[in-house]
Amino acid sequence: MMDFKQAGLEVIHAAKKEGLDHVDALIERTEELEVQIRDNKVEKVEQSTSLGLGIRVLNQGRSGFASTEKLDPQTIQKTLLKARSNSEFQDPTEVFMPDKTTAGLDENQLQLYQEELNQLNVEDLSRLGLEAEAAARETDPRLTSIPYLGVSRSQTERVLVSTHGVEHSERSNQVGAYCGTLLEDGDLRKSGFEFWSQRKWDPEAGRKLGVRAVEKAAELLGASSIESKKLPVILDEYCAPRLLGMYFRAFYGEAAQKGSSRLKGKLNETIAVNSLTLLDDPHLPGGGASRIVDDEGVPTEPLKLIDSGRFSQFLYHVEPASKDGVSSTGHAARNYDSGISTTTHNLIIKTGEKNLQDLCSIPEECLLVTQLEGAAGCNPISGDISIGVQGFHYKNGRRVQPVDSITIAGNFFDLLLNIREYGNQYQPNLSSRFIPALLVEGFSISG
């Protein structure tokens, strides 16, 4: 089987042989090793590798895609011809393939790959998992079960080539662990969950993981509903990025073109409090979505989507950018077996000066949300929010009770205009959403 670079060169060679001037290809390989722990022993070890090649052909304005999981000259030739054939069934578009450009950064500056992580073996991962389990069992005698606990490492390599001279390779890796717990106290039961994910190895992470997974369950033992009312809500540094992340597609240019973004026609208008700036930064060292170029070969750059409350930028890949008569912003995404779509990079809202307790002391009464449950009632087009939550009821800065079986309801676009304060830290795990805790007015609470 060919290596990555050989496969890329073979695509270009085959394209020239067929007289195809507009062809690009993405080759991806992902390797993962996971260890699962149960009852003080290794229950399962899973090792997997996925490999694939995706080819895109532009033929008289029509895009065709095809993919394969075999890297040999004959299969590559067949895949190229299939992509060309598939293009014949598509409508003409304004898409084109970018020419080669020089990126302003070196891949190593992004700090996405650490060789030490690839040296971690089953023994290393097992040790961390067993320490997590032991720490969990030592933390609280009410712990009755650890239903799932796993530790894994993964590595991804990608190569993008085109007949227009684009030739880019990148690799990244990470390590992570997760732990679920169940506590019982008489008739009371509550589950907890904690995870850890980084691009650097931390042999102490296991104990911290196990302890925190138990603490999260213990804090919510005895939780109950509260009466329905309107309350200020504090989304903690875990929940704020998760909830807001459901709605960021409103910033996609192609969403506006399809009528599925309420931001259509609102460029340069005020859509948020003036204290809010939302930055898309693809060059953040170690970020979960840091890239030098996007998946069409367009160089990336930091962009402000919201600038002091003002909506300042849609995100584009080449085709929707051409429709709007603008340049691609470098936000194309694809897998080897999928077409082109829009994505975000690392989205950042600056931290404030107040910790979580400080935020909970600002309103006379508020709800601190520490867990979100499902998202069926959240509509990314209308912006409607209706989601089950768990957390804590506060009055006059004091925690009154843990709460569950409640729903918060509001709207994303109203939320942007009702942010009152920002927390002073981000959640610590590997992420592409750097959003602190948010104190937001105007949510309806249904018990």
Protein backbone atom coordinates (compact mmCIF):
# COMPACT_ATOMS: atom_id res chain seq x y z
CA MET A 1 0.00 0.00 0.00
CA MET A 2 1.21 3.52 -0.83
CA ASP A 3 2.12 6.05 1.82
CA PHE A 4 0.31 9.39 2.03
CA LYS A 5 2.59 11.41 -0.20
CA GLN A 6 2.73 8.71 -2.86
CA ALA A 7 -1.07 8.51 -2.89
CA GLY A 8 -1.35 12.27 -3.30
CA LEU A 9 1.12 12.28 -6.16
CA GLU A 10 -0.73 9.39 -7.80
CA VAL A 11 -3.99 11.38 -7.74
CA ILE A 12 -2.31 14.33 -9.47
CA HIS A 13 -0.64 12.02 -11.99
CA ALA A 14 -3.93 10.28 -12.80
CA ALA A 15 -5.74 13.62 -13.12
CA LYS A 16 -3.21 14.89 -15.65
CA LYS A 17 -3.44 11.62 -17.55
CA GLU A 18 -7.22 12.07 -17.83
CA GLY A 19 -6.92 15.73 -18.81
CA LEU A 20 -8.60 16.94 -15.61
CA ASP A 21 -7.28 20.34 -14.55
CA HIS A 22 -9.32 20.87 -11.38
CA VAL A 23 -8.87 18.02 -8.92
CA ASP A 24 -8.07 17.88 -5.23
CA ALA A 25 -7.72 15.01 -2.78
CA LEU A 26 -7.74 14.55 0.98
CA ILE A 27 -6.04 11.55 2.55
CA GLU A 28 -6.76 10.83 6.22
CA ARG A 29 -5.54 8.26 8.71
CA THR A 30 -6.62 7.99 12.34
CA GLU A 31 -5.20 5.58 14.91
CA GLU A 32 -6.70 5.05 18.35
CA LEU A 33 -5.86 2.93 21.38
CA GLU A 34 -8.41 2.65 24.21
CA VAL A 35 -8.35 0.79 27.50
CA GLN A 36 -11.56 0.19 29.48
CA ILE A 37 -11.44 -0.50 33.22
CA ARG A 38 -13.92 -2.37 35.42
CA ASP A 39 -13.64 -3.87 38.93
CA ASN A 40 -9.96 -3.09 39.37
CA LYS A 41 -8.82 -4.73 36.16
CA VAL A 42 -8.53 -4.07 32.44
CA GLU A 43 -11.81 -5.19 30.90
CA LYS A 44 -11.11 -4.42 27.25
CA VAL A 45 -8.36 -3.11 24.98
CA GLU A 46 -9.40 -1.74 21.60
CA GLN A 47 -7.02 -0.63 18.85
CA SER A 48 -8.36 0.76 15.59
CA THR A 49 -7.05 2.38 12.43
CA SER A 50 -9.07 4.11 9.73
CA LEU A 51 -7.64 5.18 6.39
CA GLY A 52 -9.32 6.86 3.47
CA LEU A 53 -8.87 8.95 0.33
CA GLY A 54 -11.46 11.41 -0.96
CA ILE A 55 -11.24 12.96 -4.44
CA ARG A 56 -13.10 16.03 -5.69
CA VAL A 57 -13.32 16.84 -9.40
CA LEU A 58 -14.56 20.16 -10.82
CA ASN A 59 -15.74 19.55 -14.35
CA GLN A 60 -17.34 22.45 -16.23
CA GLY A 61 -18.50 24.04 -12.98
CA ARG A 62 -19.87 20.79 -11.56
CA SER A 63 -18.43 19.16 -8.42
CA GLY A 64 -18.11 15.41 -8.10
CA PHE A 65 -16.87 13.44 -5.09
CA ALA A 66 -15.77 9.86 -4.60
CA SER A 67 -13.81 8.05 -1.90
CA THR A 68 -11.97 4.82 -1.22
CA GLU A 69 -10.18 3.11 1.63
CA LYS A 70 -7.56 1.50 -0.61
CA LEU A 71 -4.40 3.32 -1.67
CA ASP A 72 -3.11 1.67 -4.85
CA PRO A 73 -2.83 3.07 -8.40
CA GLN A 74 -5.71 1.07 -9.86
CA THR A 75 -8.16 2.01 -7.10
CA ILE A 76 -7.10 5.66 -7.17
CA GLN A 77 -7.71 5.73 -10.93
CA LYS A 78 -11.20 4.20 -10.49
CA THR A 79 -12.03 6.66 -7.70
CA LEU A 80 -10.97 9.62 -9.82
CA LEU A 81 -13.14 8.47 -12.72
CA LYS A 82 -16.07 7.90 -10.37
CA ALA A 83 -15.72 11.45 -9.03
CA ARG A 84 -15.74 12.76 -12.60
CA SER A 85 -18.80 10.66 -13.39
CA ASN A 86 -20.57 11.90 -10.25
CA SER A 87 -19.93 15.50 -11.29
CA GLU A 88 -22.07 15.01 -14.39
CA PHE A 89 -25.18 14.67 -12.22
CA GLN A 90 -24.63 17.96 -10.37
CA ASP A 91 -25.82 21.46 -11.20
CA PRO A 92 -23.16 24.00 -12.23
CA THR A 93 -21.93 26.23 -9.40
CA GLU A 94 -19.57 29.15 -8.95
CA VAL A 95 -16.99 27.03 -7.16
CA PHE A 96 -13.30 27.01 -8.07
CA MET A 97 -10.15 25.49 -6.60
CA PRO A 98 -7.70 27.82 -4.86
CA ASP A 99 -4.14 28.09 -6.09
CA LYS A 100 -1.20 27.37 -3.84
CA THR A 101 -0.44 30.17 -1.39
CA THR A 102 2.16 30.51 1.32
CA ALA A 103 0.83 30.17 4.85
CA GLY A 104 2.12 32.66 7.38
CA LEU A 105 2.77 30.03 10.05
CA ASP A 106 4.73 26.83 10.43
CA GLU A 107 2.74 23.75 11.46
CA ASN A 108 4.94 23.25 14.54
CA GLN A 109 3.90 26.64 15.92
CA LEU A 110 0.39 25.31 16.46
CA GLN A 111 1.65 22.64 18.90
CA LEU A 112 -0.88 20.03 17.78
CA TYR A 113 1.42 17.01 17.96
CA GLN A 114 3.45 15.64 20.88
CA GLU A 115 5.59 12.61 20.14
CA GLU A 116 5.44 11.48 23.78
CA LEU A 117 1.74 10.72 23.42
CA ASN A 118 2.40 8.17 20.68
CA GLN A 119 4.76 6.35 23.03
CA LEU A 120 1.99 5.70 25.56
CA ASN A 121 1.20 1.99 25.68
CA VAL A 122 -1.54 -0.18 27.16
CA GLU A 123 0.28 -0.28 30.50
CA ASP A 124 0.45 3.53 30.73
CA LEU A 125 -3.22 3.98 29.89
CA SER A 126 -4.26 1.15 32.21
CA ARG A 127 -2.32 2.62 35.12
CA LEU A 128 -4.09 5.95 34.78
CA GLY A 129 -7.49 4.24 34.53
CA LEU A 130 -6.89 2.00 37.54
CA GLU A 131 -5.76 5.01 39.59
CA ALA A 132 -8.94 6.84 38.58
CA GLU A 133 -11.07 3.91 39.73
CA ALA A 134 -9.21 3.58 43.03
CA ALA A 135 -9.49 7.30 43.74
CA ALA A 136 -13.21 7.25 43.00
CA ARG A 137 -13.81 4.37 45.43
CA GLU A 138 -11.84 6.15 48.17
CA THR A 139 -13.71 9.43 47.81
CA ASP A 140 -17.20 8.58 49.09
CA PRO A 141 -18.58 5.40 50.74
CA ARG A 142 -21.93 6.03 49.01
CA LEU A 143 -20.39 5.11 45.66
CA THR A 144 -22.10 1.92 44.47
CA SER A 145 -20.99 1.64 40.86
CA ILE A 146 -18.55 2.88 38.23
CA PRO A 147 -20.51 1.93 35.09
CA TYR A 148 -17.88 3.10 32.64
CA LEU A 149 -14.25 4.21 32.75
CA GLY A 150 -11.87 4.47 29.81
CA VAL A 151 -8.54 5.97 28.79
CA SER A 152 -7.46 6.52 25.19
CA ARG A 153 -4.92 8.14 22.93
CA SER A 154 -5.40 8.98 19.26
CA GLN A 155 -3.45 10.39 16.33
CA THR A 156 -4.70 11.87 13.06
CA GLU A 157 -2.67 12.55 9.91
CA ARG A 158 -4.04 14.41 6.89
CA VAL A 159 -2.68 15.34 3.48
CA LEU A 160 -4.37 17.74 1.04
CA VAL A 161 -3.16 18.02 -2.58
CA SER A 162 -4.55 19.59 -5.74
CA THR A 163 -3.75 20.09 -9.41
CA HIS A 164 -3.48 23.81 -8.54
CA GLY A 165 -0.31 23.24 -6.55
CA VAL A 166 -1.76 22.86 -3.07
CA GLU A 167 0.26 20.40 -1.00
CA HIS A 168 -0.32 20.49 2.74
CA SER A 169 0.15 17.91 5.48
CA GLU A 170 -0.71 18.04 9.16
CA ARG A 171 -0.86 15.74 12.14
CA SER A 172 -2.29 16.00 15.62
CA ASN A 173 -2.71 13.78 18.64
CA GLN A 174 -4.36 13.80 22.03
CA VAL A 175 -5.00 11.74 25.13
CA GLY A 176 -8.17 11.55 27.19
CA ALA A 177 -10.14 9.70 29.84
CA TYR A 178 -13.71 9.52 31.09
CA CYS A 179 -15.38 8.19 34.24
CA GLY A 180 -19.02 7.65 35.18
CA THR A 181 -20.16 7.11 38.76
CA LEU A 182 -23.34 6.19 40.65
CA LEU A 183 -23.96 7.18 44.28
CA GLU A 184 -26.80 5.97 46.52
CA ASP A 185 -27.91 7.28 49.91
CA GLY A 186 -31.08 5.56 51.11
CA ASP A 187 -33.67 6.17 48.42
CA LEU A 188 -31.56 8.87 46.78
CA ARG A 189 -29.52 8.05 43.66
CA LYS A 190 -27.43 10.30 41.44
CA SER A 191 -24.94 9.71 38.64
CA GLY A 192 -21.82 11.73 37.95
CA PHE A 193 -19.51 12.07 34.99
CA GLU A 194 -16.11 13.63 34.43
CA PHE A 195 -13.70 13.65 31.49
CA TRP A 196 -10.17 14.79 30.80
CA SER A 197 -8.60 15.55 27.41
CA GLN A 198 -5.28 17.18 26.54
CA ARG A 199 -2.41 17.23 24.08
CA LYS A 200 0.03 16.58 26.95
CA TRP A 201 0.34 13.57 29.21
CA ASP A 202 -0.40 14.05 32.91
CA PRO A 203 0.16 10.92 35.01
CA GLU A 204 -1.74 12.56 37.90
CA ALA A 205 -4.89 13.09 35.83
CA GLY A 206 -6.38 9.72 36.77
CA ARG A 207 -6.79 10.45 40.47
CA LYS A 208 -8.24 13.90 39.79
CA LEU A 209 -10.68 12.38 37.30
CA GLY A 210 -11.97 9.73 39.70
CA VAL A 211 -12.38 12.15 42.60
CA ARG A 212 -14.24 14.73 40.54
CA ALA A 213 -16.59 12.16 38.97
CA VAL A 214 -17.71 11.18 42.47
CA GLU A 215 -17.92 14.76 43.74
CA LYS A 216 -20.20 15.74 40.87
CA ALA A 217 -22.66 13.01 41.82
CA ALA A 218 -22.41 13.76 45.54
CA GLU A 219 -23.13 17.46 45.05
CA LEU A 220 -26.41 16.67 43.30
CA LEU A 221 -27.68 13.96 45.68
CA GLY A 222 -31.06 15.06 46.94
CA ALA A 223 -31.65 17.40 44.00
CA SER A 224 -35.24 18.40 43.33
CA SER A 225 -37.21 20.74 41.13
CA ILE A 226 -38.03 24.38 41.91
CA GLU A 227 -41.10 26.42 41.08
CA SER A 228 -41.45 27.84 37.60
CA LYS A 229 -40.31 31.45 37.29
CA LYS A 230 -37.98 33.78 35.40
CA LEU A 231 -34.49 33.83 36.85
CA PRO A 232 -30.99 34.94 35.93
CA VAL A 233 -29.03 31.87 34.87
CA ILE A 234 -25.32 31.23 35.26
CA LEU A 235 -24.00 28.74 32.71
CA ASP A 236 -20.74 27.36 34.11
CA GLU A 237 -17.56 27.14 32.01
CA TYR A 238 -18.53 23.65 30.81
CA CYS A 239 -22.16 24.38 29.92
CA ALA A 240 -21.71 27.82 28.33
CA PRO A 241 -19.55 26.59 25.41
CA ARG A 242 -21.71 23.52 24.92
CA LEU A 243 -24.97 25.47 24.77
CA LEU A 244 -23.70 28.34 22.62
CA GLY A 245 -21.94 25.87 20.32
CA MET A 246 -25.32 24.56 19.15
CA TYR A 247 -26.09 27.90 17.48
CA PHE A 248 -22.85 29.09 15.85
CA ARG A 249 -23.94 27.85 12.41
CA ALA A 250 -25.95 31.09 12.27
CA PHE A 251 -22.62 32.70 11.35
CA TYR A 252 -22.19 30.53 8.23
CA GLY A 253 -22.58 32.41 4.96
CA GLU A 254 -24.17 29.38 3.31
CA ALA A 255 -26.77 29.23 6.11
CA ALA A 256 -27.78 32.81 5.35
CA GLN A 257 -27.98 32.01 1.63
CA LYS A 258 -30.33 29.11 2.38
CA GLY A 259 -32.52 31.24 4.64
CA SER A 260 -31.56 29.25 7.73
CA SER A 261 -29.78 32.03 9.64
CA ARG A 262 -31.48 34.87 11.47
CA LEU A 263 -28.31 36.91 10.91
CA LYS A 264 -29.06 37.29 7.21
CA GLY A 265 -29.00 40.98 6.32
CA LYS A 266 -27.65 42.03 9.73
CA LEU A 267 -23.97 42.64 8.98
CA ASN A 268 -22.67 45.61 10.98
CA GLU A 269 -25.79 45.66 13.16
CA THR A 270 -25.72 45.31 16.95
CA ILE A 271 -26.66 41.75 17.91
CA ALA A 272 -25.04 41.45 21.35
CA VAL A 273 -24.08 43.45 24.42
CA ASN A 274 -21.17 45.79 23.67
CA SER A 275 -18.98 43.88 26.14
CA LEU A 276 -19.09 40.82 23.87
CA THR A 277 -16.45 40.11 21.23
CA LEU A 278 -16.47 36.66 19.62
CA LEU A 279 -13.16 35.74 17.98
CA ASP A 280 -12.55 32.84 15.61
CA ASP A 281 -8.85 32.02 16.03
CA PRO A 282 -7.35 29.18 13.94
CA HIS A 283 -3.82 29.87 15.18
CA LEU A 284 -4.27 29.23 18.91
CA PRO A 285 -1.40 26.95 20.01
CA GLY A 286 -2.76 23.56 21.04
CA GLY A 287 -6.35 24.48 20.18
CA GLY A 288 -8.86 21.81 19.31
CA ALA A 289 -9.52 23.37 15.88
CA SER A 290 -6.25 25.11 15.04
CA ARG A 291 -5.34 25.03 11.35
CA ILE A 292 -2.86 26.75 9.03
CA VAL A 293 -5.02 26.17 5.97
CA ASP A 294 -8.60 24.94 5.61
CA ASP A 295 -9.72 21.83 3.73
CA GLU A 296 -9.65 23.60 0.36
CA GLY A 297 -6.11 24.89 0.92
CA VAL A 298 -7.13 28.48 1.78
CA PRO A 299 -4.88 30.03 4.47
CA THR A 300 -6.65 30.72 7.75
CA GLU A 301 -6.55 33.90 9.82
CA PRO A 302 -8.15 35.17 13.04
CA LEU A 303 -11.52 36.88 12.51
CA LYS A 304 -13.97 38.67 14.77
CA LEU A 305 -17.51 37.41 14.25
CA ILE A 306 -18.87 39.83 16.83
CA ASP A 307 -16.89 42.99 17.56
CA SER A 308 -18.02 44.83 20.70
CA GLY A 309 -21.58 43.67 20.13
CA ARG A 310 -21.62 44.32 16.38
CA PHE A 311 -22.04 41.45 13.89
CA SER A 312 -18.96 41.81 11.70
CA GLN A 313 -18.34 38.64 9.67
CA PHE A 314 -19.94 35.60 8.05
CA LEU A 315 -17.78 32.48 7.62
CA TYR A 316 -17.26 31.04 4.13
CA HIS A 317 -15.69 28.34 2.08
CA VAL A 318 -15.12 28.99 -1.62
CA GLU A 319 -18.55 28.22 -3.10
CA PRO A 320 -20.79 30.35 -0.82
CA ALA A 321 -18.14 33.09 -0.84
CA SER A 322 -18.33 33.21 -4.65
CA LYS A 323 -22.12 33.51 -4.46
CA ASP A 324 -21.79 36.55 -2.20
CA GLY A 325 -18.97 38.07 -4.24
CA VAL A 326 -16.43 37.84 -1.42
CA SER A 327 -13.33 35.77 -0.69
CA SER A 328 -13.32 32.54 1.29
CA THR A 329 -12.52 33.14 4.94
CA GLY A 330 -10.73 29.78 5.18
CA HIS A 331 -13.52 27.83 6.89
CA ALA A 332 -13.91 24.81 4.58
CA ALA A 333 -14.28 21.43 6.27
CA ARG A 334 -14.41 17.94 4.85
CA ASN A 335 -13.66 14.34 5.66
CA TYR A 336 -12.29 11.95 3.08
CA ASP A 337 -15.79 10.53 2.57
CA SER A 338 -17.80 13.78 2.58
CA GLY A 339 -18.26 16.95 0.58
CA ILE A 340 -17.26 20.49 1.53
CA SER A 341 -19.08 22.28 4.34
CA THR A 342 -18.47 25.28 6.61
CA THR A 343 -16.87 24.99 10.03
CA THR A 344 -15.58 27.22 12.80
CA HIS A 345 -12.10 27.19 14.27
CA ASN A 346 -11.38 28.03 17.91
CA LEU A 347 -14.13 30.36 19.12
CA ILE A 348 -13.08 32.64 21.95
CA ILE A 349 -14.92 34.98 24.32
CA LYS A 350 -12.60 36.77 26.74
CA THR A 351 -12.78 35.94 30.42
CA GLY A 352 -13.93 38.42 33.03
CA GLU A 353 -12.69 38.98 36.58
CA LYS A 354 -15.25 37.07 38.68
CA ASN A 355 -15.13 33.46 39.78
CA LEU A 356 -18.20 31.25 39.84
CA GLN A 357 -19.12 32.13 43.42
CA ASP A 358 -18.79 35.84 42.62
CA LEU A 359 -21.18 35.43 39.69
CA CYS A 360 -23.70 33.61 41.89
CA SER A 361 -23.57 36.50 44.37
CA ILE A 362 -24.57 39.21 41.89
CA PRO A 363 -28.32 38.50 41.47
CA GLU A 364 -30.60 38.28 44.49
CA GLU A 365 -31.72 34.88 43.19
CA CYS A 366 -30.32 32.75 40.36
CA LEU A 367 -29.82 29.28 38.93
CA LEU A 368 -26.29 27.91 38.44
CA VAL A 369 -26.35 25.36 35.60
CA THR A 370 -23.66 22.67 35.78
CA GLN A 371 -25.16 19.98 33.53
CA LEU A 372 -27.17 20.04 30.31
CA GLU A 373 -29.46 17.14 29.40
CA GLY A 374 -30.24 16.56 25.73
CA ALA A 375 -30.87 19.16 23.05
CA ALA A 376 -34.10 18.12 21.33
CA GLY A 377 -35.74 21.44 22.19
CA CYS A 378 -32.89 23.57 20.85
CA ASN A 379 -33.42 24.95 17.33
CA PRO A 380 -30.24 26.30 15.68
CA ILE A 381 -32.26 28.14 13.00
CA SER A 382 -34.77 30.03 15.15
CA GLY A 383 -32.36 30.22 18.08
CA ASP A 384 -34.94 28.78 20.47
CA ILE A 385 -33.51 27.19 23.62
CA SER A 386 -35.40 24.60 25.66
CA ILE A 387 -33.18 22.16 27.48
CA GLY A 388 -33.17 20.11 30.67
CA VAL A 389 -30.56 21.10 33.22
CA GLN A 390 -29.13 20.24 36.62
CA GLY A 391 -27.36 22.61 38.95
CA PHE A 392 -27.93 24.72 42.05
CA HIS A 393 -30.46 27.28 43.25
CA TYR A 394 -28.87 30.37 44.85
CA LYS A 395 -30.35 33.17 46.98
CA ASN A 396 -28.32 36.14 48.20
CA GLY A 397 -25.09 34.42 47.18
CA ARG A 398 -25.83 31.26 49.17
CA ARG A 399 -26.49 27.82 47.74
CA VAL A 400 -30.03 26.84 48.70
CA GLN A 401 -30.33 23.39 47.11
CA PRO A 402 -29.23 21.19 44.22
CA VAL A 403 -31.82 21.09 41.44
CA ASP A 404 -32.81 18.72 38.65
CA SER A 405 -35.95 17.89 36.65
CA ILE A 406 -36.14 21.46 35.38
CA THR A 407 -35.96 23.10 31.95
CA ILE A 408 -34.53 26.47 30.99
CA ALA A 409 -36.08 28.25 28.01
CA GLY A 410 -35.03 31.30 26.04
CA ASN A 411 -33.44 32.24 22.72
CA PHE A 412 -29.82 32.35 21.61
CA PHE A 413 -30.16 35.75 19.96
CA ASP A 414 -31.75 37.18 23.12
CA LEU A 415 -29.01 35.55 25.20
CA LEU A 416 -26.36 37.53 23.31
CA LEU A 417 -28.13 40.75 24.31
CA ASN A 418 -28.64 39.71 27.93
CA ILE A 419 -25.14 38.69 29.06
CA ARG A 420 -24.43 40.55 32.29
CA GLU A 421 -21.06 39.15 33.44
CA TYR A 422 -18.27 36.75 32.44
CA GLY A 423 -16.42 34.19 34.55
CA ASN A 424 -12.66 34.30 34.99
CA GLN A 425 -11.68 30.91 33.55
CA TYR A 426 -12.28 28.43 30.73
CA GLN A 427 -12.96 24.74 31.23
CA PRO A 428 -9.53 23.03 31.34
CA ASN A 429 -9.90 20.32 28.70
CA LEU A 430 -8.83 20.25 25.06
CA SER A 431 -11.49 22.21 23.21
CA SER A 432 -12.31 24.49 20.29
CA ARG A 433 -14.72 26.57 22.41
CA PHE A 434 -13.06 28.99 24.83
CA ILE A 435 -16.08 30.49 26.55
CA PRO A 436 -16.15 31.31 30.27
CA ALA A 437 -19.11 31.02 32.62
CA LEU A 438 -21.85 33.48 31.65
CA LEU A 439 -24.41 35.28 33.82
CA VAL A 440 -27.45 35.73 31.58
CA GLU A 441 -30.75 37.49 32.33
CA GLY A 442 -34.16 36.52 31.02
CA PHE A 443 -34.38 32.72 31.10
CA SER A 444 -37.67 31.04 31.97
CA ILE A 445 -37.36 28.17 34.45
CA SER A 446 -39.92 25.37 34.31
CA GLY A 447 -40.04 22.96 37.23
